[in-house]
PDB file of N, CA and C in Angstrom:
ATOM      1  N   UNK A   1     -79.866  -1.815  12.200  1.00  0.00           N
ATOM      2  CA  UNK A   1     -81.209  -2.336  12.238  1.00  0.00           C
ATOM      3  C   UNK A   1     -82.127  -1.310  12.890  1.00  0.00           C
ATOM      4  N   UNK A   2     -83.205  -0.977  12.198  1.00  0.00           N
ATOM      5  CA  UNK A   2     -84.143   0.005  12.705  1.00  0.00           C
ATOM      6  C   UNK A   2     -85.157  -0.598  13.651  1.00  0.00           C
ATOM      7  N   UNK A   3     -86.106   0.244  14.053  1.00  0.00           N
ATOM      8  CA  UNK A   3     -87.168  -0.226  14.926  1.00  0.00           C
ATOM      9  C   UNK A   3     -88.455   0.515  14.634  1.00  0.00           C
ATOM     10  N   UNK A   4     -89.572  -0.143  14.942  1.00  0.00           N
ATOM     11  CA  UNK A   4     -90.883   0.481  14.813  1.00  0.00           C
ATOM     12  C   UNK A   4     -91.111   1.398  16.003  1.00  0.00           C
ATOM     13  N   UNK A   5     -91.740   2.532  15.742  1.00  0.00           N
ATOM     14  CA  UNK A   5     -92.061   3.453  16.818  1.00  0.00           C
ATOM     15  C   UNK A   5     -93.351   4.178  16.478  1.00  0.00           C
ATOM     16  N   UNK A   6     -94.058   4.660  17.482  1.00  0.00           N
ATOM     17  CA  UNK A   6     -95.294   5.408  17.206  1.00  0.00           C
ATOM     18  C   UNK A   6     -94.968   6.847  16.806  1.00  0.00           C
ATOM     19  N   UNK A   7     -95.722   7.363  15.851  1.00  0.00           N
ATOM     20  CA  UNK A   7     -95.617   8.759  15.425  1.00  0.00           C
ATOM     21  C   UNK A   7     -96.965   9.413  15.676  1.00  0.00           C
ATOM     22  N   UNK A   8     -96.968  10.680  16.018  1.00  0.00           N
ATOM     23  CA  UNK A   8     -98.218  11.393  16.257  1.00  0.00           C
ATOM     24  C   UNK A   8     -98.266  12.616  15.349  1.00  0.00           C
ATOM     25  N   UNK A   9     -99.322  12.691  14.555  1.00  0.00           N
ATOM     26  CA  UNK A   9     -99.520  13.840  13.664  1.00  0.00           C
ATOM     27  C   UNK A   9     -99.913  15.061  14.500  1.00  0.00           C
ATOM     28  N   UNK A  10     -99.778  16.223  13.919  1.00  0.00           N
ATOM     29  CA  UNK A  10    -100.096  17.473  14.600  1.00  0.00           C
ATOM     30  C   UNK A  10    -101.522  17.493  15.144  1.00  0.00           C
ATOM     31  N   UNK A  11    -102.451  16.851  14.433  1.00  0.00           N
ATOM     32  CA  UNK A  11    -103.862  16.854  14.831  1.00  0.00           C
ATOM     33  C   UNK A  11    -104.233  15.652  15.698  1.00  0.00           C
ATOM     34  N   UNK A  12    -103.230  14.864  16.147  1.00  0.00           N
ATOM     35  CA  UNK A  12    -103.464  13.804  17.113  1.00  0.00           C
ATOM     36  C   UNK A  12    -103.529  12.385  16.578  1.00  0.00           C
ATOM     37  N   UNK A  13    -103.589  12.201  15.279  1.00  0.00           N
ATOM     38  CA  UNK A  13    -103.634  10.838  14.714  1.00  0.00           C
ATOM     39  C   UNK A  13    -102.299  10.148  14.965  1.00  0.00           C
ATOM     40  N   UNK A  14    -102.340   8.901  15.432  1.00  0.00           N
ATOM     41  CA  UNK A  14    -101.099   8.156  15.632  1.00  0.00           C
ATOM     42  C   UNK A  14    -100.946   7.099  14.547  1.00  0.00           C
ATOM     43  N   UNK A  15     -99.733   6.916  14.125  1.00  0.00           N
ATOM     44  CA  UNK A  15     -99.401   5.922  13.122  1.00  0.00           C
ATOM     45  C   UNK A  15     -98.040   5.344  13.455  1.00  0.00           C
ATOM     46  N   UNK A  16     -97.753   4.206  12.872  1.00  0.00           N
ATOM     47  CA  UNK A  16     -96.455   3.575  13.101  1.00  0.00           C
ATOM     48  C   UNK A  16     -95.418   4.174  12.156  1.00  0.00           C
ATOM     49  N   UNK A  17     -94.181   4.018  12.520  1.00  0.00           N
ATOM     50  CA  UNK A  17     -93.076   4.431  11.664  1.00  0.00           C
ATOM     51  C   UNK A  17     -91.897   3.504  11.902  1.00  0.00           C
ATOM     52  N   UNK A  18     -91.121   3.277  10.870  1.00  0.00           N
ATOM     53  CA  UNK A  18     -89.906   2.474  11.002  1.00  0.00           C
ATOM     54  C   UNK A  18     -88.738   3.433  10.865  1.00  0.00           C
ATOM     55  N   UNK A  19     -87.894   3.501  11.902  1.00  0.00           N
ATOM     56  CA  UNK A  19     -86.780   4.455  11.921  1.00  0.00           C
ATOM     57  C   UNK A  19     -85.467   3.705  12.074  1.00  0.00           C
ATOM     58  N   UNK A  20     -84.506   4.096  11.253  1.00  0.00           N
ATOM     59  CA  UNK A  20     -83.157   3.528  11.340  1.00  0.00           C
ATOM     60  C   UNK A  20     -82.167   4.681  11.388  1.00  0.00           C
ATOM     61  N   UNK A  21     -81.166   4.566  12.264  1.00  0.00           N
ATOM     62  CA  UNK A  21     -80.159   5.622  12.431  1.00  0.00           C
ATOM     63  C   UNK A  21     -78.776   5.064  12.111  1.00  0.00           C
ATOM     64  N   UNK A  22     -77.902   5.928  11.599  1.00  0.00           N
ATOM     65  CA  UNK A  22     -76.541   5.475  11.271  1.00  0.00           C
ATOM     66  C   UNK A  22     -75.709   5.236  12.529  1.00  0.00           C
ATOM     67  N   UNK A  23     -74.711   4.380  12.404  1.00  0.00           N
ATOM     68  CA  UNK A  23     -73.787   4.112  13.506  1.00  0.00           C
ATOM     69  C   UNK A  23     -72.664   5.153  13.535  1.00  0.00           C
ATOM     70  N   UNK A  24     -72.286   5.644  12.371  1.00  0.00           N
ATOM     71  CA  UNK A  24     -71.166   6.582  12.289  1.00  0.00           C
ATOM     72  C   UNK A  24     -71.625   8.003  12.070  1.00  0.00           C
ATOM     73  N   UNK A  25     -70.856   8.702  11.232  1.00  0.00           N
ATOM     74  CA  UNK A  25     -71.115  10.109  10.940  1.00  0.00           C
ATOM     75  C   UNK A  25     -72.459  10.298  10.233  1.00  0.00           C
ATOM     76  N   UNK A  26     -73.221  11.269  10.701  1.00  0.00           N
ATOM     77  CA  UNK A  26     -74.527  11.593  10.126  1.00  0.00           C
ATOM     78  C   UNK A  26     -74.356  12.403   8.844  1.00  0.00           C
ATOM     79  N   UNK A  27     -74.957  11.943   7.760  1.00  0.00           N
ATOM     80  CA  UNK A  27     -74.885  12.653   6.474  1.00  0.00           C
ATOM     81  C   UNK A  27     -76.156  13.444   6.169  1.00  0.00           C
ATOM     82  N   UNK A  28     -77.237  13.121   6.855  1.00  0.00           N
ATOM     83  CA  UNK A  28     -78.502  13.788   6.600  1.00  0.00           C
ATOM     84  C   UNK A  28     -79.659  12.921   7.065  1.00  0.00           C
ATOM     85  N   UNK A  29     -80.862  13.297   6.628  1.00  0.00           N
ATOM     86  CA  UNK A  29     -82.063  12.556   7.014  1.00  0.00           C
ATOM     87  C   UNK A  29     -82.962  12.381   5.799  1.00  0.00           C
ATOM     88  N   UNK A  30     -83.679  11.278   5.779  1.00  0.00           N
ATOM     89  CA  UNK A  30     -84.582  10.965   4.666  1.00  0.00           C
ATOM     90  C   UNK A  30     -85.912  10.460   5.192  1.00  0.00           C
ATOM     91  N   UNK A  31     -86.975  10.773   4.479  1.00  0.00           N
ATOM     92  CA  UNK A  31     -88.280  10.156   4.728  1.00  0.00           C
ATOM     93  C   UNK A  31     -88.504   9.183   3.579  1.00  0.00           C
ATOM     94  N   UNK A  32     -88.711   7.938   3.914  1.00  0.00           N
ATOM     95  CA  UNK A  32     -88.909   6.884   2.924  1.00  0.00           C
ATOM     96  C   UNK A  32     -90.415   6.680   2.764  1.00  0.00           C
ATOM     97  N   UNK A  33     -90.916   6.894   1.571  1.00  0.00           N
ATOM     98  CA  UNK A  33     -92.351   6.715   1.310  1.00  0.00           C
ATOM     99  C   UNK A  33     -92.586   5.286   0.843  1.00  0.00           C
ATOM    100  N   UNK A  34     -93.471   4.632   1.540  1.00  0.00           N
ATOM    101  CA  UNK A  34     -93.770   3.229   1.250  1.00  0.00           C
ATOM    102  C   UNK A  34     -94.408   3.058  -0.118  1.00  0.00           C
ATOM    103  N   UNK A  35     -94.306   1.858  -0.629  1.00  0.00           N
ATOM    104  CA  UNK A  35     -95.026   1.506  -1.848  1.00  0.00           C
ATOM    105  C   UNK A  35     -96.407   1.005  -1.442  1.00  0.00           C
ATOM    106  N   UNK A  36     -97.137   0.450  -2.366  1.00  0.00           N
ATOM    107  CA  UNK A  36     -98.520   0.046  -2.096  1.00  0.00           C
ATOM    108  C   UNK A  36     -98.630  -1.054  -1.048  1.00  0.00           C
ATOM    109  N   UNK A  37     -97.554  -1.768  -0.766  1.00  0.00           N
ATOM    110  CA  UNK A  37     -97.618  -2.887   0.165  1.00  0.00           C
ATOM    111  C   UNK A  37     -97.285  -2.492   1.600  1.00  0.00           C
ATOM    112  N   UNK A  38     -97.231  -1.207   1.887  1.00  0.00           N
ATOM    113  CA  UNK A  38     -97.015  -0.745   3.248  1.00  0.00           C
ATOM    114  C   UNK A  38     -95.556  -0.796   3.671  1.00  0.00           C
ATOM    115  N   UNK A  39     -95.338  -0.648   4.971  1.00  0.00           N
ATOM    116  CA  UNK A  39     -93.987  -0.714   5.522  1.00  0.00           C
ATOM    117  C   UNK A  39     -93.687  -2.198   5.757  1.00  0.00           C
ATOM    118  N   UNK A  40     -93.296  -2.848   4.692  1.00  0.00           N
ATOM    119  CA  UNK A  40     -93.017  -4.287   4.721  1.00  0.00           C
ATOM    120  C   UNK A  40     -91.512  -4.524   4.858  1.00  0.00           C
ATOM    121  N   UNK A  41     -91.094  -5.777   4.717  1.00  0.00           N
ATOM    122  CA  UNK A  41     -89.677  -6.099   4.882  1.00  0.00           C
ATOM    123  C   UNK A  41     -88.797  -5.379   3.847  1.00  0.00           C
ATOM    124  N   UNK A  42     -89.320  -5.171   2.646  1.00  0.00           N
ATOM    125  CA  UNK A  42     -88.549  -4.457   1.620  1.00  0.00           C
ATOM    126  C   UNK A  42     -88.282  -3.010   2.040  1.00  0.00           C
ATOM    127  N   UNK A  43     -89.304  -2.312   2.499  1.00  0.00           N
ATOM    128  CA  UNK A  43     -89.153  -0.912   2.920  1.00  0.00           C
ATOM    129  C   UNK A  43     -88.231  -0.836   4.141  1.00  0.00           C
ATOM    130  N   UNK A  44     -88.338  -1.801   5.043  1.00  0.00           N
ATOM    131  CA  UNK A  44     -87.449  -1.819   6.212  1.00  0.00           C
ATOM    132  C   UNK A  44     -85.992  -2.023   5.785  1.00  0.00           C
ATOM    133  N   UNK A  45     -85.757  -2.931   4.829  1.00  0.00           N
ATOM    134  CA  UNK A  45     -84.377  -3.139   4.336  1.00  0.00           C
ATOM    135  C   UNK A  45     -83.843  -1.875   3.666  1.00  0.00           C
ATOM    136  N   UNK A  46     -84.685  -1.200   2.898  1.00  0.00           N
ATOM    137  CA  UNK A  46     -84.287   0.043   2.240  1.00  0.00           C
ATOM    138  C   UNK A  46     -83.909   1.094   3.281  1.00  0.00           C
ATOM    139  N   UNK A  47     -84.747   1.231   4.294  1.00  0.00           N
ATOM    140  CA  UNK A  47     -84.511   2.196   5.364  1.00  0.00           C
ATOM    141  C   UNK A  47     -83.218   1.863   6.097  1.00  0.00           C
ATOM    142  N   UNK A  48     -83.010   0.582   6.402  1.00  0.00           N
ATOM    143  CA  UNK A  48     -81.762   0.154   7.045  1.00  0.00           C
ATOM    144  C   UNK A  48     -80.550   0.439   6.151  1.00  0.00           C
ATOM    145  N   UNK A  49     -80.720   0.258   4.847  1.00  0.00           N
ATOM    146  CA  UNK A  49     -79.628   0.521   3.907  1.00  0.00           C
ATOM    147  C   UNK A  49     -79.216   1.977   3.890  1.00  0.00           C
ATOM    148  N   UNK A  50     -80.197   2.882   3.933  1.00  0.00           N
ATOM    149  CA  UNK A  50     -79.863   4.307   3.985  1.00  0.00           C
ATOM    150  C   UNK A  50     -79.161   4.652   5.298  1.00  0.00           C
ATOM    151  N   UNK A  51     -79.582   4.006   6.388  1.00  0.00           N
ATOM    152  CA  UNK A  51     -78.917   4.235   7.673  1.00  0.00           C
ATOM    153  C   UNK A  51     -77.462   3.762   7.606  1.00  0.00           C
ATOM    154  N   UNK A  52     -77.228   2.634   6.949  1.00  0.00           N
ATOM    155  CA  UNK A  52     -75.858   2.127   6.790  1.00  0.00           C
ATOM    156  C   UNK A  52     -75.000   3.100   5.979  1.00  0.00           C
ATOM    157  N   UNK A  53     -75.642   3.888   5.118  1.00  0.00           N
ATOM    158  CA  UNK A  53     -74.930   4.886   4.315  1.00  0.00           C
ATOM    159  C   UNK A  53     -74.794   6.232   5.029  1.00  0.00           C
ATOM    160  N   UNK A  54     -75.269   6.316   6.281  1.00  0.00           N
ATOM    161  CA  UNK A  54     -75.077   7.538   7.058  1.00  0.00           C
ATOM    162  C   UNK A  54     -76.293   8.421   7.243  1.00  0.00           C
ATOM    163  N   UNK A  55     -77.452   7.964   6.848  1.00  0.00           N
ATOM    164  CA  UNK A  55     -78.662   8.788   6.941  1.00  0.00           C
ATOM    165  C   UNK A  55     -79.605   8.273   8.021  1.00  0.00           C
ATOM    166  N   UNK A  56     -80.214   9.198   8.760  1.00  0.00           N
ATOM    167  CA  UNK A  56     -81.349   8.827   9.592  1.00  0.00           C
ATOM    168  C   UNK A  56     -82.506   8.672   8.614  1.00  0.00           C
ATOM    169  N   UNK A  57     -83.159   7.534   8.640  1.00  0.00           N
ATOM    170  CA  UNK A  57     -84.234   7.273   7.685  1.00  0.00           C
ATOM    171  C   UNK A  57     -85.499   6.873   8.436  1.00  0.00           C
ATOM    172  N   UNK A  58     -86.621   7.440   8.027  1.00  0.00           N
ATOM    173  CA  UNK A  58     -87.912   7.172   8.651  1.00  0.00           C
ATOM    174  C   UNK A  58     -88.915   6.798   7.576  1.00  0.00           C
ATOM    175  N   UNK A  59     -89.580   5.661   7.762  1.00  0.00           N
ATOM    176  CA  UNK A  59     -90.634   5.211   6.844  1.00  0.00           C
ATOM    177  C   UNK A  59     -91.953   5.213   7.609  1.00  0.00           C
ATOM    178  N   UNK A  60     -92.764   6.275   7.475  1.00  0.00           N
ATOM    179  CA  UNK A  60     -94.052   6.298   8.173  1.00  0.00           C
ATOM    180  C   UNK A  60     -95.041   5.351   7.496  1.00  0.00           C
ATOM    181  N   UNK A  61     -95.850   4.689   8.293  1.00  0.00           N
ATOM    182  CA  UNK A  61     -96.865   3.769   7.776  1.00  0.00           C
ATOM    183  C   UNK A  61     -98.102   4.585   7.392  1.00  0.00           C
ATOM    184  N   UNK A  62     -98.071   5.170   6.206  1.00  0.00           N
ATOM    185  CA  UNK A  62     -99.116   6.116   5.821  1.00  0.00           C
ATOM    186  C   UNK A  62    -100.483   5.465   5.592  1.00  0.00           C
ATOM    187  N   UNK A  63    -100.539   4.143   5.466  1.00  0.00           N
ATOM    188  CA  UNK A  63    -101.838   3.474   5.329  1.00  0.00           C
ATOM    189  C   UNK A  63    -102.506   3.247   6.679  1.00  0.00           C
ATOM    190  N   UNK A  64    -101.828   3.540   7.783  1.00  0.00           N
ATOM    191  CA  UNK A  64    -102.407   3.304   9.107  1.00  0.00           C
ATOM    192  C   UNK A  64    -103.717   4.052   9.320  1.00  0.00           C
ATOM    193  N   UNK A  65    -103.916   5.131   8.621  1.00  0.00           N
ATOM    194  CA  UNK A  65    -105.172   5.870   8.773  1.00  0.00           C
ATOM    195  C   UNK A  65    -106.360   4.996   8.354  1.00  0.00           C
ATOM    196  N   UNK A  66    -106.187   4.219   7.303  1.00  0.00           N
ATOM    197  CA  UNK A  66    -107.265   3.363   6.815  1.00  0.00           C
ATOM    198  C   UNK A  66    -107.279   2.004   7.507  1.00  0.00           C
ATOM    199  N   UNK A  67    -106.095   1.428   7.731  1.00  0.00           N
ATOM    200  CA  UNK A  67    -106.007   0.104   8.336  1.00  0.00           C
ATOM    201  C   UNK A  67    -104.631  -0.070   8.975  1.00  0.00           C
ATOM    202  N   UNK A  68    -104.607  -0.293  10.266  1.00  0.00           N
ATOM    203  CA  UNK A  68    -103.342  -0.477  10.981  1.00  0.00           C
ATOM    204  C   UNK A  68    -102.608  -1.708  10.473  1.00  0.00           C
ATOM    205  N   UNK A  69    -101.289  -1.607  10.388  1.00  0.00           N
ATOM    206  CA  UNK A  69    -100.428  -2.714   9.952  1.00  0.00           C
ATOM    207  C   UNK A  69    -100.799  -3.249   8.572  1.00  0.00           C
ATOM    208  N   UNK A  70    -101.256  -2.380   7.705  1.00  0.00           N
ATOM    209  CA  UNK A  70    -101.641  -2.793   6.355  1.00  0.00           C
ATOM    210  C   UNK A  70    -100.416  -3.176   5.532  1.00  0.00           C
ATOM    211  N   UNK A  71    -100.574  -4.211   4.754  1.00  0.00           N
ATOM    212  CA  UNK A  71     -99.529  -4.579   3.797  1.00  0.00           C
ATOM    213  C   UNK A  71    -100.051  -4.378   2.382  1.00  0.00           C
ATOM    214  N   UNK A  72    -100.995  -3.460   2.236  1.00  0.00           N
ATOM    215  CA  UNK A  72    -101.522  -3.136   0.914  1.00  0.00           C
ATOM    216  C   UNK A  72    -102.797  -3.884   0.601  1.00  0.00           C
ATOM    217  N   UNK A  73    -103.217  -3.805  -0.651  1.00  0.00           N
ATOM    218  CA  UNK A  73    -104.479  -4.420  -1.043  1.00  0.00           C
ATOM    219  C   UNK A  73    -104.420  -5.944  -0.978  1.00  0.00           C
ATOM    220  N   UNK A  74    -105.583  -6.543  -0.822  1.00  0.00           N
ATOM    221  CA  UNK A  74    -105.694  -8.004  -0.806  1.00  0.00           C
ATOM    222  C   UNK A  74    -105.471  -8.502  -2.221  1.00  0.00           C
ATOM    223  N   UNK A  75    -104.320  -9.123  -2.450  1.00  0.00           N
ATOM    224  CA  UNK A  75    -103.973  -9.557  -3.800  1.00  0.00           C
ATOM    225  C   UNK A  75    -104.697 -10.830  -4.220  1.00  0.00           C
ATOM    226  N   UNK A  76    -105.474 -11.433  -3.306  1.00  0.00           N
ATOM    227  CA  UNK A  76    -106.236 -12.618  -3.692  1.00  0.00           C
ATOM    228  C   UNK A  76    -107.525 -12.223  -4.408  1.00  0.00           C
ATOM    229  N   UNK A  77    -107.858 -10.946  -4.373  1.00  0.00           N
ATOM    230  CA  UNK A  77    -109.066 -10.442  -5.026  1.00  0.00           C
ATOM    231  C   UNK A  77    -108.666  -9.728  -6.308  1.00  0.00           C
ATOM    232  N   UNK A  78    -109.321 -10.067  -7.400  1.00  0.00           N
ATOM    233  CA  UNK A  78    -109.050  -9.423  -8.687  1.00  0.00           C
ATOM    234  C   UNK A  78    -109.764  -8.076  -8.706  1.00  0.00           C
ATOM    235  N   UNK A  79    -109.030  -6.954  -8.763  1.00  0.00           N
ATOM    236  CA  UNK A  79    -109.681  -5.645  -8.718  1.00  0.00           C
ATOM    237  C   UNK A  79    -110.565  -5.354  -9.920  1.00  0.00           C
ATOM    238  N   UNK A  80    -110.439  -6.104 -10.999  1.00  0.00           N
ATOM    239  CA  UNK A  80    -111.257  -5.860 -12.187  1.00  0.00           C
ATOM    240  C   UNK A  80    -112.629  -6.528 -12.093  1.00  0.00           C
ATOM    241  N   UNK A  81    -112.834  -7.423 -11.155  1.00  0.00           N
ATOM    242  CA  UNK A  81    -114.110  -8.145 -11.055  1.00  0.00           C
ATOM    243  C   UNK A  81    -115.329  -7.225 -10.958  1.00  0.00           C
ATOM    244  N   UNK A  82    -115.360  -6.248 -10.043  1.00  0.00           N
ATOM    245  CA  UNK A  82    -116.550  -5.385  -9.990  1.00  0.00           C
ATOM    246  C   UNK A  82    -116.773  -4.621 -11.286  1.00  0.00           C
ATOM    247  N   UNK A  83    -115.717  -4.158 -11.913  1.00  0.00           N
ATOM    248  CA  UNK A  83    -115.836  -3.443 -13.173  1.00  0.00           C
ATOM    249  C   UNK A  83    -116.393  -4.364 -14.257  1.00  0.00           C
ATOM    250  N   UNK A  84    -115.865  -5.569 -14.321  1.00  0.00           N
ATOM    251  CA  UNK A  84    -116.328  -6.537 -15.304  1.00  0.00           C
ATOM    252  C   UNK A  84    -117.803  -6.861 -15.096  1.00  0.00           C
ATOM    253  N   UNK A  85    -118.223  -7.002 -13.849  1.00  0.00           N
ATOM    254  CA  UNK A  85    -119.627  -7.296 -13.555  1.00  0.00           C
ATOM    255  C   UNK A  85    -120.518  -6.148 -14.012  1.00  0.00           C
ATOM    256  N   UNK A  86    -120.080  -4.908 -13.806  1.00  0.00           N
ATOM    257  CA  UNK A  86    -120.848  -3.755 -14.248  1.00  0.00           C
ATOM    258  C   UNK A  86    -120.970  -3.700 -15.757  1.00  0.00           C
ATOM    259  N   UNK A  87    -119.921  -4.071 -16.462  1.00  0.00           N
ATOM    260  CA  UNK A  87    -119.946  -4.077 -17.930  1.00  0.00           C
ATOM    261  C   UNK A  87    -120.948  -5.113 -18.420  1.00  0.00           C
ATOM    262  N   UNK A  88    -120.963  -6.268 -17.784  1.00  0.00           N
ATOM    263  CA  UNK A  88    -121.886  -7.333 -18.196  1.00  0.00           C
ATOM    264  C   UNK A  88    -123.334  -6.959 -17.948  1.00  0.00           C
ATOM    265  N   UNK A  89    -123.612  -6.118 -16.944  1.00  0.00           N
ATOM    266  CA  UNK A  89    -124.989  -5.710 -16.655  1.00  0.00           C
ATOM    267  C   UNK A  89    -125.504  -4.674 -17.649  1.00  0.00           C
ATOM    268  N   UNK A  90    -124.624  -4.074 -18.405  1.00  0.00           N
ATOM    269  CA  UNK A  90    -125.032  -3.029 -19.354  1.00  0.00           C
ATOM    270  C   UNK A  90    -124.587  -3.419 -20.763  1.00  0.00           C
ATOM    271  N   UNK A  91    -125.114  -4.546 -21.306  1.00  0.00           N
ATOM    272  CA  UNK A  91    -124.672  -4.965 -22.631  1.00  0.00           C
ATOM    273  C   UNK A  91    -124.984  -3.917 -23.696  1.00  0.00           C
ATOM    274  N   UNK A  92    -124.055  -3.766 -24.636  1.00  0.00           N
ATOM    275  CA  UNK A  92    -124.251  -2.811 -25.711  1.00  0.00           C
ATOM    276  C   UNK A  92    -123.864  -1.396 -25.356  1.00  0.00           C
ATOM    277  N   UNK A  93    -123.665  -1.122 -24.098  1.00  0.00           N
ATOM    278  CA  UNK A  93    -123.317   0.230 -23.670  1.00  0.00           C
ATOM    279  C   UNK A  93    -121.812   0.425 -23.606  1.00  0.00           C
ATOM    280  N   UNK A  94    -121.105  -0.556 -23.136  1.00  0.00           N
ATOM    281  CA  UNK A  94    -119.664  -0.462 -22.967  1.00  0.00           C
ATOM    282  C   UNK A  94    -119.005  -1.627 -23.678  1.00  0.00           C
ATOM    283  N   UNK A  95    -117.850  -1.391 -24.203  1.00  0.00           N
ATOM    284  CA  UNK A  95    -117.104  -2.471 -24.838  1.00  0.00           C
ATOM    285  C   UNK A  95    -116.012  -2.930 -23.890  1.00  0.00           C
ATOM    286  N   UNK A  96    -115.510  -4.134 -24.112  1.00  0.00           N
ATOM    287  CA  UNK A  96    -114.467  -4.627 -23.225  1.00  0.00           C
ATOM    288  C   UNK A  96    -113.247  -5.127 -23.986  1.00  0.00           C
ATOM    289  N   UNK A  97    -113.182  -4.841 -25.286  1.00  0.00           N
ATOM    290  CA  UNK A  97    -111.967  -5.243 -25.998  1.00  0.00           C
ATOM    291  C   UNK A  97    -110.829  -4.332 -25.554  1.00  0.00           C
ATOM    292  N   UNK A  98    -109.620  -4.844 -25.601  1.00  0.00           N
ATOM    293  CA  UNK A  98    -108.486  -4.083 -25.078  1.00  0.00           C
ATOM    294  C   UNK A  98    -108.269  -2.772 -25.822  1.00  0.00           C
ATOM    295  N   UNK A  99    -108.642  -2.697 -27.075  1.00  0.00           N
ATOM    296  CA  UNK A  99    -108.377  -1.465 -27.840  1.00  0.00           C
ATOM    297  C   UNK A  99    -109.444  -0.397 -27.600  1.00  0.00           C
ATOM    298  N   UNK A 100    -110.602  -0.775 -27.073  1.00  0.00           N
ATOM    299  CA  UNK A 100    -111.660   0.204 -26.903  1.00  0.00           C
ATOM    300  C   UNK A 100    -112.226   0.202 -25.486  1.00  0.00           C
ATOM    301  N   UNK A 101    -111.512  -0.311 -24.531  1.00  0.00           N
ATOM    302  CA  UNK A 101    -112.008  -0.430 -23.179  1.00  0.00           C
ATOM    303  C   UNK A 101    -112.488   0.913 -22.641  1.00  0.00           C
ATOM    304  N   UNK A 102    -113.707   0.940 -22.172  1.00  0.00           N
ATOM    305  CA  UNK A 102    -114.242   2.145 -21.563  1.00  0.00           C
ATOM    306  C   UNK A 102    -114.903   3.111 -22.501  1.00  0.00           C
ATOM    307  N   UNK A 103    -114.858   2.894 -23.795  1.00  0.00           N
ATOM    308  CA  UNK A 103    -115.513   3.816 -24.732  1.00  0.00           C
ATOM    309  C   UNK A 103    -116.972   3.406 -24.921  1.00  0.00           C
ATOM    310  N   UNK A 104    -117.810   4.386 -25.109  1.00  0.00           N
ATOM    311  CA  UNK A 104    -119.228   4.112 -25.360  1.00  0.00           C
ATOM    312  C   UNK A 104    -119.362   3.460 -26.728  1.00  0.00           C
ATOM    313  N   UNK A 105    -120.249   2.464 -26.811  1.00  0.00           N
ATOM    314  CA  UNK A 105    -120.453   1.821 -28.092  1.00  0.00           C
ATOM    315  C   UNK A 105    -121.897   1.891 -28.549  1.00  0.00           C
ATOM    316  N   UNK A 106    -122.702   2.649 -27.863  1.00  0.00           N
ATOM    317  CA  UNK A 106    -124.105   2.769 -28.249  1.00  0.00           C
ATOM    318  C   UNK A 106    -124.582   4.181 -28.052  1.00  0.00           C
ATOM    319  N   UNK A 107    -125.861   4.406 -28.223  1.00  0.00           N
ATOM    320  CA  UNK A 107    -126.390   5.767 -28.038  1.00  0.00           C
ATOM    321  C   UNK A 107    -126.301   6.191 -26.568  1.00  0.00           C
ATOM    322  N   UNK A 108    -126.258   7.477 -26.363  1.00  0.00           N
ATOM    323  CA  UNK A 108    -126.172   8.004 -24.993  1.00  0.00           C
ATOM    324  C   UNK A 108    -127.434   7.748 -24.228  1.00  0.00           C
TER     325      UNK A 108
END
């Protein structure tokens, strides 16, 4: 089982990291890069799994620069909403059918 610890970048920025170490013989070291949801339970289990296989594994919380303890984007918000609103404000300029999304449909 790993643990959270503070990491400090060369230029002084601090961020969290999840580190797990093997109990037995050391086979090497790995840096685990998080997915979009941050250093969540899945990334921690992955890191622990590599440690169980003999690797020191570290998962830095790379989103900490923007937001501490981030678990990724707010999934309750539809990311297409602002784009859709912009398309509606410019009728005739942009199309929204799936086959032509983003192509100009009128004069420049």
